[in-house]
Amino acid sequence: QWRLVESGGGLVQPGGSLRLSCAAFGFSVDIYAVGWFRQAPGKEREAVSCISSRGNFIYYADSVKGRFTFSRDNAKSTVYLQMNSLKPEDTAVYYCAAVLYAGTNCRQAPWDDYWGRGTQVTVSS
């Protein structure tokens, strides 16, 4: 069964770090554009970061630029989101998504192939 499974969420104090993982089962992420999205209570889902299928373009939302790092391990068919200097406003459910998209700018990809169920990140003292 083809699916994405996120892990690594949890409760962390402001200024702390977490690393989210997203493992693909049944397919290999190295030919997909992969993205991280988040949704906070009462807010719309927003794109946090994404990587093109060829790995030559990585996007970061302005709100996380310089604090979050996207990486991909093709051998493990897993992507990661390293989150440092976390802020309370980073609190949300984080989802990963994958789509077959050959374009360079992953922000333009139609994220309608695979979605994980999400992992909760809470930043609070």
PDB file of N, CA and C in Angstrom:
ATOM      1  N   GLN A   1       0.841  -1.182   0.000  1.00  0.00           N
ATOM      2  CA  GLN A   1       0.000   0.000   0.000  1.00  0.00           C
ATOM      3  C   GLN A   1       0.885   1.244   0.000  1.00  0.00           C
ATOM      4  N   TRP A   2       0.607   2.149  -0.920  1.00  0.00           N
ATOM      5  CA  TRP A   2       1.406   3.349  -1.011  1.00  0.00           C
ATOM      6  C   TRP A   2       0.961   4.344   0.041  1.00  0.00           C
ATOM      7  N   ARG A   3       1.880   4.831   0.858  1.00  0.00           N
ATOM      8  CA  ARG A   3       1.513   5.795   1.879  1.00  0.00           C
ATOM      9  C   ARG A   3       2.732   6.539   2.379  1.00  0.00           C
ATOM     10  N   LEU A   4       2.462   7.660   3.056  1.00  0.00           N
ATOM     11  CA  LEU A   4       3.490   8.466   3.709  1.00  0.00           C
ATOM     12  C   LEU A   4       3.199   8.460   5.202  1.00  0.00           C
ATOM     13  N   VAL A   5       4.238   8.316   6.001  1.00  0.00           N
ATOM     14  CA  VAL A   5       4.070   8.284   7.444  1.00  0.00           C
ATOM     15  C   VAL A   5       5.028   9.282   8.083  1.00  0.00           C
ATOM     16  N   GLU A   6       4.458  10.274   8.766  1.00  0.00           N
ATOM     17  CA  GLU A   6       5.268  11.264   9.474  1.00  0.00           C
ATOM     18  C   GLU A   6       5.535  10.817  10.905  1.00  0.00           C
ATOM     19  N   SER A   7       6.640  11.269  11.446  1.00  0.00           N
ATOM     20  CA  SER A   7       6.972  11.025  12.850  1.00  0.00           C
ATOM     21  C   SER A   7       7.911  12.135  13.324  1.00  0.00           C
ATOM     22  N   GLY A   8       8.127  12.180  14.635  1.00  0.00           N
ATOM     23  CA  GLY A   8       9.081  13.131  15.192  1.00  0.00           C
ATOM     24  C   GLY A   8       8.472  14.343  15.855  1.00  0.00           C
ATOM     25  N   GLY A   9       7.164  14.465  15.790  1.00  0.00           N
ATOM     26  CA  GLY A   9       6.530  15.596  16.448  1.00  0.00           C
ATOM     27  C   GLY A   9       6.549  15.440  17.957  1.00  0.00           C
ATOM     28  N   GLY A  10       6.130  16.500  18.647  1.00  0.00           N
ATOM     29  CA  GLY A  10       6.088  16.440  20.100  1.00  0.00           C
ATOM     30  C   GLY A  10       5.993  17.820  20.700  1.00  0.00           C
ATOM     31  N   LEU A  11       6.206  17.873  21.999  1.00  0.00           N
ATOM     32  CA  LEU A  11       6.173  19.127  22.754  1.00  0.00           C
ATOM     33  C   LEU A  11       7.606  19.595  22.994  1.00  0.00           C
ATOM     34  N   VAL A  12       7.867  20.842  22.674  1.00  0.00           N
ATOM     35  CA  VAL A  12       9.211  21.387  22.850  1.00  0.00           C
ATOM     36  C   VAL A  12       9.098  22.824  23.337  1.00  0.00           C
ATOM     37  N   GLN A  13      10.079  23.263  24.091  1.00  0.00           N
ATOM     38  CA  GLN A  13      10.072  24.636  24.588  1.00  0.00           C
ATOM     39  C   GLN A  13      10.534  25.597  23.489  1.00  0.00           C
ATOM     40  N   PRO A  14      10.114  26.836  23.590  1.00  0.00           N
ATOM     41  CA  PRO A  14      10.601  27.832  22.611  1.00  0.00           C
ATOM     42  C   PRO A  14      12.117  27.842  22.568  1.00  0.00           C
ATOM     43  N   GLY A  15      12.637  27.927  21.354  1.00  0.00           N
ATOM     44  CA  GLY A  15      14.070  27.874  21.160  1.00  0.00           C
ATOM     45  C   GLY A  15      14.616  26.474  20.955  1.00  0.00           C
ATOM     46  N   GLY A  16      13.785  25.476  21.177  1.00  0.00           N
ATOM     47  CA  GLY A  16      14.205  24.092  21.028  1.00  0.00           C
ATOM     48  C   GLY A  16      14.178  23.620  19.584  1.00  0.00           C
ATOM     49  N   SER A  17      14.477  22.335  19.424  1.00  0.00           N
ATOM     50  CA  SER A  17      14.566  21.745  18.088  1.00  0.00           C
ATOM     51  C   SER A  17      13.807  20.425  18.020  1.00  0.00           C
ATOM     52  N   LEU A  18      13.348  20.116  16.839  1.00  0.00           N
ATOM     53  CA  LEU A  18      12.746  18.825  16.526  1.00  0.00           C
ATOM     54  C   LEU A  18      13.144  18.453  15.109  1.00  0.00           C
ATOM     55  N   ARG A  19      13.214  17.154  14.847  1.00  0.00           N
ATOM     56  CA  ARG A  19      13.416  16.699  13.477  1.00  0.00           C
ATOM     57  C   ARG A  19      12.237  15.811  13.084  1.00  0.00           C
ATOM     58  N   LEU A  20      11.503  16.243  12.110  1.00  0.00           N
ATOM     59  CA  LEU A  20      10.398  15.452  11.579  1.00  0.00           C
ATOM     60  C   LEU A  20      10.901  14.539  10.475  1.00  0.00           C
ATOM     61  N   SER A  21      10.320  13.352  10.426  1.00  0.00           N
ATOM     62  CA  SER A  21      10.634  12.405   9.366  1.00  0.00           C
ATOM     63  C   SER A  21       9.362  12.079   8.602  1.00  0.00           C
ATOM     64  N   CYS A  22       9.533  11.771   7.341  1.00  0.00           N
ATOM     65  CA  CYS A  22       8.408  11.343   6.507  1.00  0.00           C
ATOM     66  C   CYS A  22       8.906  10.187   5.657  1.00  0.00           C
ATOM     67  N   ALA A  23       8.410   8.996   5.966  1.00  0.00           N
ATOM     68  CA  ALA A  23       8.831   7.796   5.255  1.00  0.00           C
ATOM     69  C   ALA A  23       7.790   7.412   4.211  1.00  0.00           C
ATOM     70  N   ALA A  24       8.275   7.080   3.022  1.00  0.00           N
ATOM     71  CA  ALA A  24       7.387   6.641   1.952  1.00  0.00           C
ATOM     72  C   ALA A  24       7.390   5.117   1.879  1.00  0.00           C
ATOM     73  N   PHE A  25       6.217   4.546   1.802  1.00  0.00           N
ATOM     74  CA  PHE A  25       6.065   3.104   1.682  1.00  0.00           C
ATOM     75  C   PHE A  25       5.375   2.801   0.357  1.00  0.00           C
ATOM     76  N   GLY A  26       5.986   1.892  -0.403  1.00  0.00           N
ATOM     77  CA  GLY A  26       5.380   1.494  -1.662  1.00  0.00           C
ATOM     78  C   GLY A  26       5.849   2.289  -2.869  1.00  0.00           C
ATOM     79  N   PHE A  27       6.612   3.340  -2.622  1.00  0.00           N
ATOM     80  CA  PHE A  27       7.166   4.112  -3.732  1.00  0.00           C
ATOM     81  C   PHE A  27       8.425   4.816  -3.254  1.00  0.00           C
ATOM     82  N   SER A  28       9.196   5.274  -4.207  1.00  0.00           N
ATOM     83  CA  SER A  28      10.470   5.911  -3.882  1.00  0.00           C
ATOM     84  C   SER A  28      10.357   7.421  -4.044  1.00  0.00           C
ATOM     85  N   VAL A  29      10.755   8.166  -3.015  1.00  0.00           N
ATOM     86  CA  VAL A  29      10.585   9.618  -3.050  1.00  0.00           C
ATOM     87  C   VAL A  29      11.533  10.309  -4.017  1.00  0.00           C
ATOM     88  N   ASP A  30      12.535   9.608  -4.508  1.00  0.00           N
ATOM     89  CA  ASP A  30      13.549  10.299  -5.305  1.00  0.00           C
ATOM     90  C   ASP A  30      13.043  10.744  -6.668  1.00  0.00           C
ATOM     91  N   ILE A  31      11.844  10.309  -7.071  1.00  0.00           N
ATOM     92  CA  ILE A  31      11.307  10.785  -8.339  1.00  0.00           C
ATOM     93  C   ILE A  31      10.090  11.684  -8.117  1.00  0.00           C
ATOM     94  N   TYR A  32       9.856  12.036  -6.863  1.00  0.00           N
ATOM     95  CA  TYR A  32       8.701  12.860  -6.520  1.00  0.00           C
ATOM     96  C   TYR A  32       9.159  14.206  -5.966  1.00  0.00           C
ATOM     97  N   ALA A  33       8.365  15.219  -6.200  1.00  0.00           N
ATOM     98  CA  ALA A  33       8.484  16.440  -5.428  1.00  0.00           C
ATOM     99  C   ALA A  33       7.852  16.134  -4.074  1.00  0.00           C
ATOM    100  N   VAL A  34       8.499  16.581  -3.010  1.00  0.00           N
ATOM    101  CA  VAL A  34       7.999  16.313  -1.667  1.00  0.00           C
ATOM    102  C   VAL A  34       7.914  17.628  -0.903  1.00  0.00           C
ATOM    103  N   GLY A  35       6.850  17.764  -0.160  1.00  0.00           N
ATOM    104  CA  GLY A  35       6.649  19.007   0.569  1.00  0.00           C
ATOM    105  C   GLY A  35       6.240  18.781   2.007  1.00  0.00           C
ATOM    106  N   TRP A  36       6.527  19.768   2.826  1.00  0.00           N
ATOM    107  CA  TRP A  36       6.038  19.817   4.211  1.00  0.00           C
ATOM    108  C   TRP A  36       5.036  20.967   4.305  1.00  0.00           C
ATOM    109  N   PHE A  37       3.903  20.665   4.930  1.00  0.00           N
ATOM    110  CA  PHE A  37       2.854  21.643   5.129  1.00  0.00           C
ATOM    111  C   PHE A  37       2.472  21.625   6.604  1.00  0.00           C
ATOM    112  N   ARG A  38       1.814  22.682   7.050  1.00  0.00           N
ATOM    113  CA  ARG A  38       1.345  22.693   8.431  1.00  0.00           C
ATOM    114  C   ARG A  38       0.006  23.414   8.509  1.00  0.00           C
ATOM    115  N   GLN A  39      -0.744  23.025   9.523  1.00  0.00           N
ATOM    116  CA  GLN A  39      -2.030  23.661   9.767  1.00  0.00           C
ATOM    117  C   GLN A  39      -2.226  23.845  11.253  1.00  0.00           C
ATOM    118  N   ALA A  40      -2.381  25.085  11.651  1.00  0.00           N
ATOM    119  CA  ALA A  40      -2.648  25.414  13.040  1.00  0.00           C
ATOM    120  C   ALA A  40      -4.160  25.517  13.243  1.00  0.00           C
ATOM    121  N   PRO A  41      -4.633  25.347  14.479  1.00  0.00           N
ATOM    122  CA  PRO A  41      -6.070  25.449  14.732  1.00  0.00           C
ATOM    123  C   PRO A  41      -6.644  26.782  14.260  1.00  0.00           C
ATOM    124  N   GLY A  42      -7.713  26.702  13.504  1.00  0.00           N
ATOM    125  CA  GLY A  42      -8.366  27.909  13.034  1.00  0.00           C
ATOM    126  C   GLY A  42      -7.687  28.600  11.877  1.00  0.00           C
ATOM    127  N   LYS A  43      -6.630  27.999  11.356  1.00  0.00           N
ATOM    128  CA  LYS A  43      -5.904  28.627  10.258  1.00  0.00           C
ATOM    129  C   LYS A  43      -5.889  27.702   9.047  1.00  0.00           C
ATOM    130  N   GLU A  44      -5.623  28.280   7.903  1.00  0.00           N
ATOM    131  CA  GLU A  44      -5.514  27.481   6.696  1.00  0.00           C
ATOM    132  C   GLU A  44      -4.174  26.762   6.648  1.00  0.00           C
ATOM    133  N   ARG A  45      -4.171  25.680   5.898  1.00  0.00           N
ATOM    134  CA  ARG A  45      -2.926  24.956   5.698  1.00  0.00           C
ATOM    135  C   ARG A  45      -1.944  25.828   4.915  1.00  0.00           C
ATOM    136  N   GLU A  46      -0.695  25.783   5.311  1.00  0.00           N
ATOM    137  CA  GLU A  46       0.312  26.562   4.602  1.00  0.00           C
ATOM    138  C   GLU A  46       1.509  25.685   4.243  1.00  0.00           C
ATOM    139  N   ALA A  47       2.149  26.039   3.150  1.00  0.00           N
ATOM    140  CA  ALA A  47       3.353  25.331   2.732  1.00  0.00           C
ATOM    141  C   ALA A  47       4.535  25.816   3.561  1.00  0.00           C
ATOM    142  N   VAL A  48       5.275  24.900   4.099  1.00  0.00           N
ATOM    143  CA  VAL A  48       6.444  25.215   4.910  1.00  0.00           C
ATOM    144  C   VAL A  48       7.723  25.110   4.088  1.00  0.00           C
ATOM    145  N   SER A  49       7.830  23.995   3.366  1.00  0.00           N
ATOM    146  CA  SER A  49       9.043  23.751   2.595  1.00  0.00           C
ATOM    147  C   SER A  49       8.741  22.680   1.570  1.00  0.00           C
ATOM    148  N   CYS A  50       9.484  22.689   0.480  1.00  0.00           N
ATOM    149  CA  CYS A  50       9.346  21.608  -0.502  1.00  0.00           C
ATOM    150  C   CYS A  50      10.647  21.455  -1.268  1.00  0.00           C
ATOM    151  N   ILE A  51      10.799  20.287  -1.859  1.00  0.00           N
ATOM    152  CA  ILE A  51      11.975  19.991  -2.662  1.00  0.00           C
ATOM    153  C   ILE A  51      11.517  19.454  -4.007  1.00  0.00           C
ATOM    154  N   SER A  52      12.202  19.877  -5.067  1.00  0.00           N
ATOM    155  CA  SER A  52      11.850  19.386  -6.394  1.00  0.00           C
ATOM    156  C   SER A  52      12.247  17.919  -6.524  1.00  0.00           C
ATOM    157  N   SER A  53      11.699  17.248  -7.530  1.00  0.00           N
ATOM    158  CA  SER A  53      11.987  15.821  -7.711  1.00  0.00           C
ATOM    159  C   SER A  53      13.473  15.573  -7.958  1.00  0.00           C
ATOM    160  N   ARG A  54      14.143  16.517  -8.650  1.00  0.00           N
ATOM    161  CA  ARG A  54      15.557  16.349  -8.932  1.00  0.00           C
ATOM    162  C   ARG A  54      16.437  16.880  -7.817  1.00  0.00           C
ATOM    163  N   GLY A  55      15.802  17.468  -6.802  1.00  0.00           N
ATOM    164  CA  GLY A  55      16.572  17.956  -5.669  1.00  0.00           C
ATOM    165  C   GLY A  55      17.338  19.231  -5.926  1.00  0.00           C
ATOM    166  N   ASN A  56      17.067  19.908  -7.033  1.00  0.00           N
ATOM    167  CA  ASN A  56      17.823  21.110  -7.384  1.00  0.00           C
ATOM    168  C   ASN A  56      17.110  22.395  -6.994  1.00  0.00           C
ATOM    169  N   PHE A  57      15.998  22.286  -6.289  1.00  0.00           N
ATOM    170  CA  PHE A  57      15.270  23.468  -5.831  1.00  0.00           C
ATOM    171  C   PHE A  57      14.613  23.139  -4.506  1.00  0.00           C
ATOM    172  N   ILE A  58      14.864  23.955  -3.509  1.00  0.00           N
ATOM    173  CA  ILE A  58      14.223  23.812  -2.204  1.00  0.00           C
ATOM    174  C   ILE A  58      13.603  25.158  -1.846  1.00  0.00           C
ATOM    175  N   TYR A  59      12.362  25.085  -1.469  1.00  0.00           N
ATOM    176  CA  TYR A  59      11.628  26.285  -1.063  1.00  0.00           C
ATOM    177  C   TYR A  59      11.429  26.281   0.458  1.00  0.00           C
ATOM    178  N   TYR A  60      11.542  27.463   1.048  1.00  0.00           N
ATOM    179  CA  TYR A  60      11.204  27.659   2.453  1.00  0.00           C
ATOM    180  C   TYR A  60      10.282  28.861   2.568  1.00  0.00           C
ATOM    181  N   ALA A  61       9.245  28.714   3.363  1.00  0.00           N
ATOM    182  CA  ALA A  61       8.408  29.865   3.674  1.00  0.00           C
ATOM    183  C   ALA A  61       9.243  30.899   4.425  1.00  0.00           C
ATOM    184  N   ASP A  62       8.920  32.159   4.243  1.00  0.00           N
ATOM    185  CA  ASP A  62       9.691  33.219   4.906  1.00  0.00           C
ATOM    186  C   ASP A  62       9.700  33.044   6.426  1.00  0.00           C
ATOM    187  N   SER A  63       8.607  32.513   6.952  1.00  0.00           N
ATOM    188  CA  SER A  63       8.482  32.381   8.404  1.00  0.00           C
ATOM    189  C   SER A  63       9.428  31.346   8.999  1.00  0.00           C
ATOM    190  N   VAL A  64       9.982  30.451   8.165  1.00  0.00           N
ATOM    191  CA  VAL A  64      10.858  29.402   8.687  1.00  0.00           C
ATOM    192  C   VAL A  64      12.266  29.475   8.103  1.00  0.00           C
ATOM    193  N   LYS A  65      12.472  30.378   7.153  1.00  0.00           N
ATOM    194  CA  LYS A  65      13.767  30.472   6.490  1.00  0.00           C
ATOM    195  C   LYS A  65      14.863  30.754   7.518  1.00  0.00           C
ATOM    196  N   GLY A  66      15.942  30.003   7.416  1.00  0.00           N
ATOM    197  CA  GLY A  66      17.053  30.156   8.352  1.00  0.00           C
ATOM    198  C   GLY A  66      16.919  29.322   9.608  1.00  0.00           C
ATOM    199  N   ARG A  67      15.734  28.770   9.832  1.00  0.00           N
ATOM    200  CA  ARG A  67      15.518  27.952  11.040  1.00  0.00           C
ATOM    201  C   ARG A  67      15.238  26.486  10.698  1.00  0.00           C
ATOM    202  N   PHE A  68      14.583  26.244   9.565  1.00  0.00           N
ATOM    203  CA  PHE A  68      14.210  24.889   9.155  1.00  0.00           C
ATOM    204  C   PHE A  68      15.096  24.458   7.987  1.00  0.00           C
ATOM    205  N   THR A  69      15.396  23.152   7.955  1.00  0.00           N
ATOM    206  CA  THR A  69      16.191  22.593   6.869  1.00  0.00           C
ATOM    207  C   THR A  69      15.548  21.319   6.359  1.00  0.00           C
ATOM    208  N   PHE A  70      15.346  21.266   5.049  1.00  0.00           N
ATOM    209  CA  PHE A  70      14.745  20.110   4.399  1.00  0.00           C
ATOM    210  C   PHE A  70      15.868  19.227   3.873  1.00  0.00           C
ATOM    211  N   SER A  71      15.753  17.918   4.083  1.00  0.00           N
ATOM    212  CA  SER A  71      16.729  17.006   3.505  1.00  0.00           C
ATOM    213  C   SER A  71      16.027  15.735   3.056  1.00  0.00           C
ATOM    214  N   ARG A  72      16.698  14.980   2.219  1.00  0.00           N
ATOM    215  CA  ARG A  72      16.093  13.775   1.656  1.00  0.00           C
ATOM    216  C   ARG A  72      17.134  12.671   1.608  1.00  0.00           C
ATOM    217  N   ASP A  73      16.739  11.480   2.037  1.00  0.00           N
ATOM    218  CA  ASP A  73      17.582  10.286   1.977  1.00  0.00           C
ATOM    219  C   ASP A  73      16.915   9.325   1.009  1.00  0.00           C
ATOM    220  N   ASN A  74      17.373   9.323  -0.228  1.00  0.00           N
ATOM    221  CA  ASN A  74      16.729   8.497  -1.246  1.00  0.00           C
ATOM    222  C   ASN A  74      16.847   7.004  -0.933  1.00  0.00           C
ATOM    223  N   ALA A  75      17.956   6.600  -0.341  1.00  0.00           N
ATOM    224  CA  ALA A  75      18.161   5.185  -0.020  1.00  0.00           C
ATOM    225  C   ALA A  75      17.111   4.680   0.964  1.00  0.00           C
ATOM    226  N   LYS A  76      16.681   5.560   1.860  1.00  0.00           N
ATOM    227  CA  LYS A  76      15.663   5.194   2.849  1.00  0.00           C
ATOM    228  C   LYS A  76      14.267   5.636   2.415  1.00  0.00           C
ATOM    229  N   SER A  77      14.186   6.295   1.267  1.00  0.00           N
ATOM    230  CA  SER A  77      12.916   6.844   0.789  1.00  0.00           C
ATOM    231  C   SER A  77      12.238   7.660   1.893  1.00  0.00           C
ATOM    232  N   THR A  78      13.026   8.511   2.493  1.00  0.00           N
ATOM    233  CA  THR A  78      12.573   9.305   3.643  1.00  0.00           C
ATOM    234  C   THR A  78      13.054  10.741   3.485  1.00  0.00           C
ATOM    235  N   VAL A  79      12.206  11.669   3.875  1.00  0.00           N
ATOM    236  CA  VAL A  79      12.605  13.063   3.924  1.00  0.00           C
ATOM    237  C   VAL A  79      12.519  13.547   5.358  1.00  0.00           C
ATOM    238  N   TYR A  80      13.242  14.615   5.626  1.00  0.00           N
ATOM    239  CA  TYR A  80      13.328  15.137   6.983  1.00  0.00           C
ATOM    240  C   TYR A  80      13.116  16.649   6.974  1.00  0.00           C
ATOM    241  N   LEU A  81      12.626  17.133   8.085  1.00  0.00           N
ATOM    242  CA  LEU A  81      12.530  18.567   8.297  1.00  0.00           C
ATOM    243  C   LEU A  81      13.156  18.859   9.651  1.00  0.00           C
ATOM    244  N   GLN A  82      14.365  19.400   9.626  1.00  0.00           N
ATOM    245  CA  GLN A  82      15.038  19.792  10.859  1.00  0.00           C
ATOM    246  C   GLN A  82      14.537  21.179  11.238  1.00  0.00           C
ATOM    247  N   MET A  83      13.977  21.287  12.428  1.00  0.00           N
ATOM    248  CA  MET A  83      13.388  22.541  12.878  1.00  0.00           C
ATOM    249  C   MET A  83      14.143  23.035  14.107  1.00  0.00           C
ATOM    250  N   ASN A  84      14.806  24.159  13.966  1.00  0.00           N
ATOM    251  CA  ASN A  84      15.563  24.768  15.062  1.00  0.00           C
ATOM    252  C   ASN A  84      14.944  26.094  15.471  1.00  0.00           C
ATOM    253  N   SER A  85      15.333  26.575  16.619  1.00  0.00           N
ATOM    254  CA  SER A  85      14.852  27.866  17.126  1.00  0.00           C
ATOM    255  C   SER A  85      13.330  27.959  17.034  1.00  0.00           C
ATOM    256  N   LEU A  86      12.673  26.922  17.500  1.00  0.00           N
ATOM    257  CA  LEU A  86      11.222  26.859  17.366  1.00  0.00           C
ATOM    258  C   LEU A  86      10.534  27.947  18.175  1.00  0.00           C
ATOM    259  N   LYS A  87       9.429  28.424  17.609  1.00  0.00           N
ATOM    260  CA  LYS A  87       8.639  29.484  18.216  1.00  0.00           C
ATOM    261  C   LYS A  87       7.222  28.978  18.489  1.00  0.00           C
ATOM    262  N   PRO A  88       6.518  29.591  19.412  1.00  0.00           N
ATOM    263  CA  PRO A  88       5.127  29.171  19.657  1.00  0.00           C
ATOM    264  C   PRO A  88       4.275  29.205  18.398  1.00  0.00           C
ATOM    265  N   GLU A  89       4.538  30.126  17.507  1.00  0.00           N
ATOM    266  CA  GLU A  89       3.755  30.206  16.274  1.00  0.00           C
ATOM    267  C   GLU A  89       4.039  29.078  15.287  1.00  0.00           C
ATOM    268  N   ASP A  90       5.024  28.243  15.599  1.00  0.00           N
ATOM    269  CA  ASP A  90       5.269  27.049  14.783  1.00  0.00           C
ATOM    270  C   ASP A  90       4.355  25.895  15.180  1.00  0.00           C
ATOM    271  N   THR A  91       3.605  26.077  16.246  1.00  0.00           N
ATOM    272  CA  THR A  91       2.692  25.033  16.705  1.00  0.00           C
ATOM    273  C   THR A  91       1.642  24.735  15.632  1.00  0.00           C
ATOM    274  N   ALA A  92       1.551  23.464  15.243  1.00  0.00           N
ATOM    275  CA  ALA A  92       0.629  23.051  14.184  1.00  0.00           C
ATOM    276  C   ALA A  92       0.747  21.549  13.991  1.00  0.00           C
ATOM    277  N   VAL A  93      -0.161  21.012  13.199  1.00  0.00           N
ATOM    278  CA  VAL A  93       0.001  19.649  12.693  1.00  0.00           C
ATOM    279  C   VAL A  93       0.797  19.759  11.388  1.00  0.00           C
ATOM    280  N   TYR A  94       1.856  18.998  11.319  1.00  0.00           N
ATOM    281  CA  TYR A  94       2.723  19.024  10.148  1.00  0.00           C
ATOM    282  C   TYR A  94       2.460  17.802   9.282  1.00  0.00           C
ATOM    283  N   TYR A  95       2.301  18.044   7.994  1.00  0.00           N
ATOM    284  CA  TYR A  95       2.018  16.988   7.042  1.00  0.00           C
ATOM    285  C   TYR A  95       3.095  16.961   5.959  1.00  0.00           C
ATOM    286  N   CYS A  96       3.381  15.773   5.465  1.00  0.00           N
ATOM    287  CA  CYS A  96       4.205  15.705   4.273  1.00  0.00           C
ATOM    288  C   CYS A  96       3.335  15.224   3.121  1.00  0.00           C
ATOM    289  N   ALA A  97       3.736  15.611   1.930  1.00  0.00           N
ATOM    290  CA  ALA A  97       3.011  15.254   0.723  1.00  0.00           C
ATOM    291  C   ALA A  97       4.006  14.991  -0.392  1.00  0.00           C
ATOM    292  N   ALA A  98       3.621  14.143  -1.318  1.00  0.00           N
ATOM    293  CA  ALA A  98       4.479  13.815  -2.454  1.00  0.00           C
ATOM    294  C   ALA A  98       3.640  13.817  -3.722  1.00  0.00           C
ATOM    295  N   VAL A  99       4.249  14.283  -4.799  1.00  0.00           N
ATOM    296  CA  VAL A  99       3.537  14.346  -6.065  1.00  0.00           C
ATOM    297  C   VAL A  99       4.522  14.132  -7.201  1.00  0.00           C
ATOM    298  N   LEU A 100       4.076  13.442  -8.243  1.00  0.00           N
ATOM    299  CA  LEU A 100       4.896  13.305  -9.436  1.00  0.00           C
ATOM    300  C   LEU A 100       4.840  14.623 -10.198  1.00  0.00           C
ATOM    301  N   TYR A 101       5.935  15.354 -10.163  1.00  0.00           N
ATOM    302  CA  TYR A 101       5.977  16.682 -10.774  1.00  0.00           C
ATOM    303  C   TYR A 101       7.388  16.922 -11.248  1.00  0.00           C
ATOM    304  N   ALA A 102       7.542  17.133 -12.540  1.00  0.00           N
ATOM    305  CA  ALA A 102       8.877  17.280 -13.123  1.00  0.00           C
ATOM    306  C   ALA A 102       9.401  18.703 -13.100  1.00  0.00           C
ATOM    307  N   GLY A 103       8.546  19.653 -12.772  1.00  0.00           N
ATOM    308  CA  GLY A 103       8.981  21.033 -12.773  1.00  0.00           C
ATOM    309  C   GLY A 103      10.003  21.329 -11.696  1.00  0.00           C
ATOM    310  N   THR A 104      10.754  22.395 -11.872  1.00  0.00           N
ATOM    311  CA  THR A 104      11.779  22.766 -10.899  1.00  0.00           C
ATOM    312  C   THR A 104      11.174  23.432  -9.669  1.00  0.00           C
ATOM    313  N   ASN A 105      10.219  24.301  -9.879  1.00  0.00           N
ATOM    314  CA  ASN A 105       9.643  25.035  -8.759  1.00  0.00           C
ATOM    315  C   ASN A 105       8.543  24.206  -8.115  1.00  0.00           C
ATOM    316  N   CYS A 106       8.909  23.572  -7.004  1.00  0.00           N
ATOM    317  CA  CYS A 106       7.948  22.673  -6.345  1.00  0.00           C
ATOM    318  C   CYS A 106       6.749  23.420  -5.784  1.00  0.00           C
ATOM    319  N   ARG A 107       6.843  24.726  -5.619  1.00  0.00           N
ATOM    320  CA  ARG A 107       5.688  25.491  -5.134  1.00  0.00           C
ATOM    321  C   ARG A 107       4.532  25.425  -6.126  1.00  0.00           C
ATOM    322  N   GLN A 108       4.818  25.164  -7.370  1.00  0.00           N
ATOM    323  CA  GLN A 108       3.794  25.106  -8.400  1.00  0.00           C
ATOM    324  C   GLN A 108       3.227  23.711  -8.594  1.00  0.00           C
ATOM    325  N   ALA A 109       3.721  22.750  -7.830  1.00  0.00           N
ATOM    326  CA  ALA A 109       3.252  21.375  -7.985  1.00  0.00           C
ATOM    327  C   ALA A 109       1.811  21.232  -7.488  1.00  0.00           C
ATOM    328  N   PRO A 110       1.036  20.385  -8.165  1.00  0.00           N
ATOM    329  CA  PRO A 110      -0.326  20.091  -7.686  1.00  0.00           C
ATOM    330  C   PRO A 110      -0.267  18.983  -6.643  1.00  0.00           C
ATOM    331  N   TRP A 111      -0.324  19.336  -5.397  1.00  0.00           N
ATOM    332  CA  TRP A 111      -0.110  18.391  -4.303  1.00  0.00           C
ATOM    333  C   TRP A 111      -1.348  17.501  -4.114  1.00  0.00           C
ATOM    334  N   ASP A 112      -1.523  16.592  -5.052  1.00  0.00           N
ATOM    335  CA  ASP A 112      -2.734  15.786  -4.991  1.00  0.00           C
ATOM    336  C   ASP A 112      -2.482  14.297  -5.146  1.00  0.00           C
ATOM    337  N   ASP A 113      -1.244  13.840  -4.925  1.00  0.00           N
ATOM    338  CA  ASP A 113      -0.977  12.404  -5.025  1.00  0.00           C
ATOM    339  C   ASP A 113      -1.023  11.717  -3.660  1.00  0.00           C
ATOM    340  N   TYR A 114      -0.076  12.014  -2.799  1.00  0.00           N
ATOM    341  CA  TYR A 114       0.011  11.334  -1.509  1.00  0.00           C
ATOM    342  C   TYR A 114       0.150  12.343  -0.382  1.00  0.00           C
ATOM    343  N   TRP A 115      -0.563  12.066   0.695  1.00  0.00           N
ATOM    344  CA  TRP A 115      -0.469  12.858   1.918  1.00  0.00           C
ATOM    345  C   TRP A 115      -0.341  11.948   3.106  1.00  0.00           C
ATOM    346  N   GLY A 116       0.475  12.357   4.079  1.00  0.00           N
ATOM    347  CA  GLY A 116       0.516  11.644   5.338  1.00  0.00           C
ATOM    348  C   GLY A 116      -0.606  12.096   6.246  1.00  0.00           C
ATOM    349  N   ARG A 117      -0.688  11.458   7.414  1.00  0.00           N
ATOM    350  CA  ARG A 117      -1.758  11.801   8.357  1.00  0.00           C
ATOM    351  C   ARG A 117      -1.359  12.920   9.307  1.00  0.00           C
ATOM    352  N   GLY A 118      -0.111  13.274   9.309  1.00  0.00           N
ATOM    353  CA  GLY A 118       0.331  14.404  10.101  1.00  0.00           C
ATOM    354  C   GLY A 118       0.937  14.028  11.438  1.00  0.00           C
ATOM    355  N   THR A 119       1.738  14.949  11.969  1.00  0.00           N
ATOM    356  CA  THR A 119       2.316  14.798  13.292  1.00  0.00           C
ATOM    357  C   THR A 119       2.238  16.144  14.005  1.00  0.00           C
ATOM    358  N   GLN A 120       1.842  16.112  15.272  1.00  0.00           N
ATOM    359  CA  GLN A 120       1.605  17.344  16.024  1.00  0.00           C
ATOM    360  C   GLN A 120       2.924  17.906  16.554  1.00  0.00           C
ATOM    361  N   VAL A 121       3.114  19.179  16.334  1.00  0.00           N
ATOM    362  CA  VAL A 121       4.248  19.902  16.913  1.00  0.00           C
ATOM    363  C   VAL A 121       3.676  21.002  17.798  1.00  0.00           C
ATOM    364  N   THR A 122       4.074  20.993  19.056  1.00  0.00           N
ATOM    365  CA  THR A 122       3.616  22.005  20.002  1.00  0.00           C
ATOM    366  C   THR A 122       4.829  22.679  20.625  1.00  0.00           C
ATOM    367  N   VAL A 123       4.889  23.986  20.488  1.00  0.00           N
ATOM    368  CA  VAL A 123       5.994  24.765  21.048  1.00  0.00           C
ATOM    369  C   VAL A 123       5.428  25.618  22.176  1.00  0.00           C
ATOM    370  N   SER A 124       5.800  25.266  23.380  1.00  0.00           N
ATOM    371  CA  SER A 124       5.226  25.946  24.538  1.00  0.00           C
ATOM    372  C   SER A 124       6.134  25.779  25.733  1.00  0.00           C
ATOM    373  N   SER A 125       6.128  26.794  26.596  1.00  0.00           N
ATOM    374  CA  SER A 125       6.897  26.692  27.830  1.00  0.00           C
ATOM    375  C   SER A 125       6.013  26.199  28.965  1.00  0.00           C
TER     376      SER A 125
END
